[in-house]
Amino acid sequence: MTNLELEKKIVYLINTFNKNLFDEVIESSLQLYELNRNISILPNLIGASYAGKNNHDEAVKFYKKALDLDKNNTEILNNLGKSLLSKYLFDEAIEIFSKSLKINNNNFDTYFNLGIAFFNKSDFETCLENYYKAIKINNKFDKIHYNIGLTLSKIGKNKEAINFFLEAIKINPRFIYIVF
């Protein structure tokens, strides 16, 4: 198979993934991965497809294979961290997200997910530190405002929390999580 043929197959798989056809992506990517064990995008795509099916055990396994090929890939690190969050492995997720930040400390997704991990550990101050870093990068994401509001309410700062809840609604008037 030529590089151009391989590239076309990978683009097709990414497009198929974006249509949420995870079983097809897994089956085709596994076959391609057997022939091309040195391309990190394939195990990353397989892992993301398993994550899309809420099979985070398999997702973690393939993300780790992808990291073996590309240790400093923040997309793979963040994907792995999100699957670890889904498995309630908060300390492991924090370790992975922290590694990702050492590579790129300007990633909204990483700070946002670190905030989630610390929230779940009831470390609300560190949670807020990460959410505030995330919101400096992207303040147009309704869920970051909601999460900050929720965290502030957990530490008794209800007046401040309301402002963040209102901002989430301002960004997305159909935001469904907020009930007054």
C-alpha atoms as a PDB file:
ATOM      1  CA  MET A   1       0.000   0.000   0.000  1.00  0.00           C
ATOM      2  CA  THR A   2       1.354   3.416  -0.950  1.00  0.00           C
ATOM      3  CA  ASN A   3       1.479   6.342   1.458  1.00  0.00           C
ATOM      4  CA  LEU A   4      -1.228   8.080  -0.564  1.00  0.00           C
ATOM      5  CA  GLU A   5      -3.524   5.036  -0.311  1.00  0.00           C
ATOM      6  CA  LEU A   6      -2.884   4.827   3.419  1.00  0.00           C
ATOM      7  CA  GLU A   7      -3.602   8.528   3.846  1.00  0.00           C
ATOM      8  CA  LYS A   8      -6.882   8.189   1.922  1.00  0.00           C
ATOM      9  CA  LYS A   9      -7.942   5.264   4.123  1.00  0.00           C
ATOM     10  CA  ILE A  10      -7.152   7.204   7.293  1.00  0.00           C
ATOM     11  CA  VAL A  11      -9.116  10.231   6.051  1.00  0.00           C
ATOM     12  CA  TYR A  12     -12.039   7.912   5.263  1.00  0.00           C
ATOM     13  CA  LEU A  13     -11.829   6.429   8.774  1.00  0.00           C
ATOM     14  CA  ILE A  14     -11.780   9.878  10.382  1.00  0.00           C
ATOM     15  CA  ASN A  15     -14.842  10.894   8.359  1.00  0.00           C
ATOM     16  CA  THR A  16     -16.545   7.639   9.365  1.00  0.00           C
ATOM     17  CA  PHE A  17     -15.650   8.318  13.008  1.00  0.00           C
ATOM     18  CA  ASN A  18     -17.194  11.788  12.721  1.00  0.00           C
ATOM     19  CA  LYS A  19     -20.439  10.087  11.661  1.00  0.00           C
ATOM     20  CA  ASN A  20     -20.324   8.053  14.918  1.00  0.00           C
ATOM     21  CA  LEU A  21     -19.959   4.772  13.021  1.00  0.00           C
ATOM     22  CA  PHE A  22     -17.644   3.430  15.694  1.00  0.00           C
ATOM     23  CA  ASP A  23     -17.954  -0.299  14.943  1.00  0.00           C
ATOM     24  CA  GLU A  24     -16.964   0.255  11.324  1.00  0.00           C
ATOM     25  CA  VAL A  25     -14.028   2.418  12.377  1.00  0.00           C
ATOM     26  CA  ILE A  26     -12.827  -0.161  14.893  1.00  0.00           C
ATOM     27  CA  GLU A  27     -13.038  -3.049  12.438  1.00  0.00           C
ATOM     28  CA  SER A  28     -11.345  -1.210   9.564  1.00  0.00           C
ATOM     29  CA  SER A  29      -8.761   0.510  11.768  1.00  0.00           C
ATOM     30  CA  LEU A  30      -7.764  -2.774  13.419  1.00  0.00           C
ATOM     31  CA  GLN A  31      -7.122  -4.310  10.003  1.00  0.00           C
ATOM     32  CA  LEU A  32      -5.084  -1.306   8.920  1.00  0.00           C
ATOM     33  CA  TYR A  33      -3.244  -1.223  12.238  1.00  0.00           C
ATOM     34  CA  GLU A  34      -2.139  -4.846  11.774  1.00  0.00           C
ATOM     35  CA  LEU A  35      -0.347  -3.726   8.614  1.00  0.00           C
ATOM     36  CA  ASN A  36       0.920  -0.385   9.945  1.00  0.00           C
ATOM     37  CA  ARG A  37       1.963  -0.707  13.585  1.00  0.00           C
ATOM     38  CA  ASN A  38       4.067   2.446  13.514  1.00  0.00           C
ATOM     39  CA  ILE A  39       1.306   5.035  12.937  1.00  0.00           C
ATOM     40  CA  SER A  40      -0.077   6.491  16.168  1.00  0.00           C
ATOM     41  CA  ILE A  41      -3.265   7.842  14.607  1.00  0.00           C
ATOM     42  CA  LEU A  42      -4.630   4.314  14.134  1.00  0.00           C
ATOM     43  CA  PRO A  43      -4.604   3.153  17.769  1.00  0.00           C
ATOM     44  CA  ASN A  44      -5.736   6.658  18.778  1.00  0.00           C
ATOM     45  CA  LEU A  45      -8.687   6.370  16.399  1.00  0.00           C
ATOM     46  CA  ILE A  46      -9.479   2.882  17.665  1.00  0.00           C
ATOM     47  CA  GLY A  47      -9.324   4.164  21.240  1.00  0.00           C
ATOM     48  CA  ALA A  48     -11.581   7.111  20.419  1.00  0.00           C
ATOM     49  CA  SER A  49     -14.060   4.747  18.757  1.00  0.00           C
ATOM     50  CA  TYR A  50     -14.141   2.520  21.823  1.00  0.00           C
ATOM     51  CA  ALA A  51     -14.598   5.627  23.967  1.00  0.00           C
ATOM     52  CA  GLY A  52     -17.486   6.625  21.703  1.00  0.00           C
ATOM     53  CA  LYS A  53     -19.052   3.274  22.566  1.00  0.00           C
ATOM     54  CA  ASN A  54     -18.360   3.892  26.294  1.00  0.00           C
ATOM     55  CA  ASN A  55     -15.885   1.015  26.385  1.00  0.00           C
ATOM     56  CA  HIS A  56     -13.159   2.895  28.213  1.00  0.00           C
ATOM     57  CA  ASP A  57     -11.170  -0.211  29.155  1.00  0.00           C
ATOM     58  CA  GLU A  58     -10.469  -0.890  25.487  1.00  0.00           C
ATOM     59  CA  ALA A  59     -10.052   2.810  24.780  1.00  0.00           C
ATOM     60  CA  VAL A  60      -7.327   3.112  27.430  1.00  0.00           C
ATOM     61  CA  LYS A  61      -5.543   0.068  26.025  1.00  0.00           C
ATOM     62  CA  PHE A  62      -5.372   1.578  22.539  1.00  0.00           C
ATOM     63  CA  TYR A  63      -4.514   5.084  23.717  1.00  0.00           C
ATOM     64  CA  LYS A  64      -1.534   3.593  25.553  1.00  0.00           C
ATOM     65  CA  LYS A  65      -0.461   1.841  22.343  1.00  0.00           C
ATOM     66  CA  ALA A  66      -0.726   5.167  20.526  1.00  0.00           C
ATOM     67  CA  LEU A  67       1.368   6.855  23.224  1.00  0.00           C
ATOM     68  CA  ASP A  68       4.041   4.196  22.838  1.00  0.00           C
ATOM     69  CA  LEU A  69       4.401   5.500  19.272  1.00  0.00           C
ATOM     70  CA  ASP A  70       4.059   9.204  20.025  1.00  0.00           C
ATOM     71  CA  LYS A  71       4.709  10.019  23.702  1.00  0.00           C
ATOM     72  CA  ASN A  72       4.308  13.786  23.347  1.00  0.00           C
ATOM     73  CA  ASN A  73       1.044  13.861  21.420  1.00  0.00           C
ATOM     74  CA  THR A  74      -1.321  16.010  23.471  1.00  0.00           C
ATOM     75  CA  GLU A  75      -4.402  14.798  21.596  1.00  0.00           C
ATOM     76  CA  ILE A  76      -3.636  11.215  22.587  1.00  0.00           C
ATOM     77  CA  LEU A  77      -2.788  12.255  26.156  1.00  0.00           C
ATOM     78  CA  ASN A  78      -6.052  14.179  26.477  1.00  0.00           C
ATOM     79  CA  ASN A  79      -8.058  11.297  25.003  1.00  0.00           C
ATOM     80  CA  LEU A  80      -6.444   8.926  27.487  1.00  0.00           C
ATOM     81  CA  GLY A  81      -7.118  11.335  30.340  1.00  0.00           C
ATOM     82  CA  LYS A  82     -10.805  11.609  29.403  1.00  0.00           C
ATOM     83  CA  SER A  83     -11.195   7.839  29.349  1.00  0.00           C
ATOM     84  CA  LEU A  84      -9.492   7.618  32.734  1.00  0.00           C
ATOM     85  CA  LEU A  85     -11.964  10.224  34.018  1.00  0.00           C
ATOM     86  CA  SER A  86     -14.797   8.071  32.705  1.00  0.00           C
ATOM     87  CA  LYS A  87     -13.365   5.144  34.660  1.00  0.00           C
ATOM     88  CA  TYR A  88     -13.229   7.316  37.818  1.00  0.00           C
ATOM     89  CA  LEU A  89      -9.430   7.018  37.890  1.00  0.00           C
ATOM     90  CA  PHE A  90      -8.976  10.651  38.843  1.00  0.00           C
ATOM     91  CA  ASP A  91      -5.369  10.511  40.060  1.00  0.00           C
ATOM     92  CA  GLU A  92      -4.245   8.773  36.870  1.00  0.00           C
ATOM     93  CA  ALA A  93      -6.212  11.266  34.768  1.00  0.00           C
ATOM     94  CA  ILE A  94      -4.595  14.186  36.622  1.00  0.00           C
ATOM     95  CA  GLU A  95      -1.160  12.709  35.952  1.00  0.00           C
ATOM     96  CA  ILE A  96      -1.899  12.373  32.224  1.00  0.00           C
ATOM     97  CA  PHE A  97      -3.426  15.846  31.874  1.00  0.00           C
ATOM     98  CA  SER A  98      -0.482  17.340  33.773  1.00  0.00           C
ATOM     99  CA  LYS A  99       1.905  15.664  31.351  1.00  0.00           C
ATOM    100  CA  SER A 100      -0.106  17.114  28.462  1.00  0.00           C
ATOM    101  CA  LEU A 101       0.182  20.602  29.956  1.00  0.00           C
ATOM    102  CA  LYS A 102       3.967  20.281  30.136  1.00  0.00           C
ATOM    103  CA  ILE A 103       3.884  19.875  26.363  1.00  0.00           C
ATOM    104  CA  ASN A 104       1.215  22.506  25.658  1.00  0.00           C
ATOM    105  CA  ASN A 105       0.093  24.775  28.483  1.00  0.00           C
ATOM    106  CA  ASN A 106      -2.433  26.629  26.330  1.00  0.00           C
ATOM    107  CA  ASN A 107      -5.024  23.881  25.867  1.00  0.00           C
ATOM    108  CA  PHE A 108      -8.583  24.617  26.973  1.00  0.00           C
ATOM    109  CA  ASP A 109      -9.623  20.959  26.921  1.00  0.00           C
ATOM    110  CA  THR A 110      -6.778  19.921  29.204  1.00  0.00           C
ATOM    111  CA  TYR A 111      -7.492  22.571  31.837  1.00  0.00           C
ATOM    112  CA  PHE A 112     -11.237  21.901  31.625  1.00  0.00           C
ATOM    113  CA  ASN A 113     -10.777  18.176  32.189  1.00  0.00           C
ATOM    114  CA  LEU A 114      -8.236  18.738  34.960  1.00  0.00           C
ATOM    115  CA  GLY A 115     -10.878  20.864  36.644  1.00  0.00           C
ATOM    116  CA  ILE A 116     -13.352  17.987  36.357  1.00  0.00           C
ATOM    117  CA  ALA A 117     -10.848  15.567  37.872  1.00  0.00           C
ATOM    118  CA  PHE A 118     -10.108  17.849  40.828  1.00  0.00           C
ATOM    119  CA  PHE A 119     -13.828  18.536  41.317  1.00  0.00           C
ATOM    120  CA  ASN A 120     -14.430  14.801  41.610  1.00  0.00           C
ATOM    121  CA  LYS A 121     -11.675  14.607  44.221  1.00  0.00           C
ATOM    122  CA  SER A 122     -13.406  17.457  46.112  1.00  0.00           C
ATOM    123  CA  ASP A 123     -10.316  19.649  45.647  1.00  0.00           C
ATOM    124  CA  PHE A 124     -12.409  22.664  44.718  1.00  0.00           C
ATOM    125  CA  GLU A 125      -9.629  25.263  44.917  1.00  0.00           C
ATOM    126  CA  THR A 126      -7.401  23.393  42.441  1.00  0.00           C
ATOM    127  CA  CYS A 127     -10.469  22.689  40.362  1.00  0.00           C
ATOM    128  CA  LEU A 128     -11.211  26.411  40.116  1.00  0.00           C
ATOM    129  CA  GLU A 129      -7.583  27.234  39.301  1.00  0.00           C
ATOM    130  CA  ASN A 130      -7.822  24.964  36.264  1.00  0.00           C
ATOM    131  CA  TYR A 131     -11.275  26.199  35.236  1.00  0.00           C
ATOM    132  CA  TYR A 132     -10.063  29.810  35.400  1.00  0.00           C
ATOM    133  CA  LYS A 133      -7.092  28.922  33.188  1.00  0.00           C
ATOM    134  CA  ALA A 134      -9.471  27.221  30.761  1.00  0.00           C
ATOM    135  CA  ILE A 135     -11.845  30.181  30.632  1.00  0.00           C
ATOM    136  CA  LYS A 136      -8.950  32.517  29.792  1.00  0.00           C
ATOM    137  CA  ILE A 137      -8.374  30.399  26.695  1.00  0.00           C
ATOM    138  CA  ASN A 138     -12.047  30.042  25.707  1.00  0.00           C
ATOM    139  CA  ASN A 139     -14.774  31.953  27.504  1.00  0.00           C
ATOM    140  CA  LYS A 140     -17.489  31.063  24.964  1.00  0.00           C
ATOM    141  CA  PHE A 141     -18.062  27.488  26.168  1.00  0.00           C
ATOM    142  CA  ASP A 142     -21.226  27.302  28.261  1.00  0.00           C
ATOM    143  CA  LYS A 143     -20.138  24.278  30.294  1.00  0.00           C
ATOM    144  CA  ILE A 144     -17.038  26.014  31.676  1.00  0.00           C
ATOM    145  CA  HIS A 145     -19.236  28.765  33.110  1.00  0.00           C
ATOM    146  CA  TYR A 146     -21.635  26.185  34.510  1.00  0.00           C
ATOM    147  CA  ASN A 147     -18.800  24.133  36.040  1.00  0.00           C
ATOM    148  CA  ILE A 148     -17.280  27.206  37.668  1.00  0.00           C
ATOM    149  CA  GLY A 149     -20.695  28.141  39.052  1.00  0.00           C
ATOM    150  CA  LEU A 150     -21.229  24.643  40.368  1.00  0.00           C
ATOM    151  CA  THR A 151     -17.810  24.624  42.018  1.00  0.00           C
ATOM    152  CA  LEU A 152     -18.319  28.049  43.565  1.00  0.00           C
ATOM    153  CA  SER A 153     -21.654  26.896  44.982  1.00  0.00           C
ATOM    154  CA  LYS A 154     -19.887  23.887  46.535  1.00  0.00           C
ATOM    155  CA  ILE A 155     -17.645  26.256  48.515  1.00  0.00           C
ATOM    156  CA  GLY A 156     -20.499  28.546  49.523  1.00  0.00           C
ATOM    157  CA  LYS A 157     -19.885  31.369  47.048  1.00  0.00           C
ATOM    158  CA  ASN A 158     -23.452  31.331  45.753  1.00  0.00           C
ATOM    159  CA  LYS A 159     -23.632  34.957  44.567  1.00  0.00           C
ATOM    160  CA  GLU A 160     -20.550  34.476  42.407  1.00  0.00           C
ATOM    161  CA  ALA A 161     -21.915  31.134  41.219  1.00  0.00           C
ATOM    162  CA  ILE A 162     -25.125  32.735  39.968  1.00  0.00           C
ATOM    163  CA  ASN A 163     -23.149  35.075  37.704  1.00  0.00           C
ATOM    164  CA  PHE A 164     -21.442  32.107  36.064  1.00  0.00           C
ATOM    165  CA  PHE A 165     -24.733  30.232  35.680  1.00  0.00           C
ATOM    166  CA  LEU A 166     -26.259  33.308  34.032  1.00  0.00           C
ATOM    167  CA  GLU A 167     -23.286  33.583  31.687  1.00  0.00           C
ATOM    168  CA  ALA A 168     -23.752  29.931  30.661  1.00  0.00           C
ATOM    169  CA  ILE A 169     -27.379  30.710  29.807  1.00  0.00           C
ATOM    170  CA  LYS A 170     -26.350  33.879  27.965  1.00  0.00           C
ATOM    171  CA  ILE A 171     -23.956  31.841  25.824  1.00  0.00           C
ATOM    172  CA  ASN A 172     -26.489  29.077  25.285  1.00  0.00           C
ATOM    173  CA  PRO A 173     -30.098  29.997  26.096  1.00  0.00           C
ATOM    174  CA  ARG A 174     -31.037  26.310  25.836  1.00  0.00           C
ATOM    175  CA  PHE A 175     -28.520  25.287  28.479  1.00  0.00           C
ATOM    176  CA  ILE A 176     -30.368  22.535  30.342  1.00  0.00           C
ATOM    177  CA  TYR A 177     -28.293  21.932  33.472  1.00  0.00           C
ATOM    178  CA  ILE A 178     -29.221  25.087  35.303  1.00  0.00           C
ATOM    179  CA  VAL A 179     -32.375  25.130  37.371  1.00  0.00           C
ATOM    180  CA  PHE A 180     -33.098  28.045  39.698  1.00  0.00           C
END
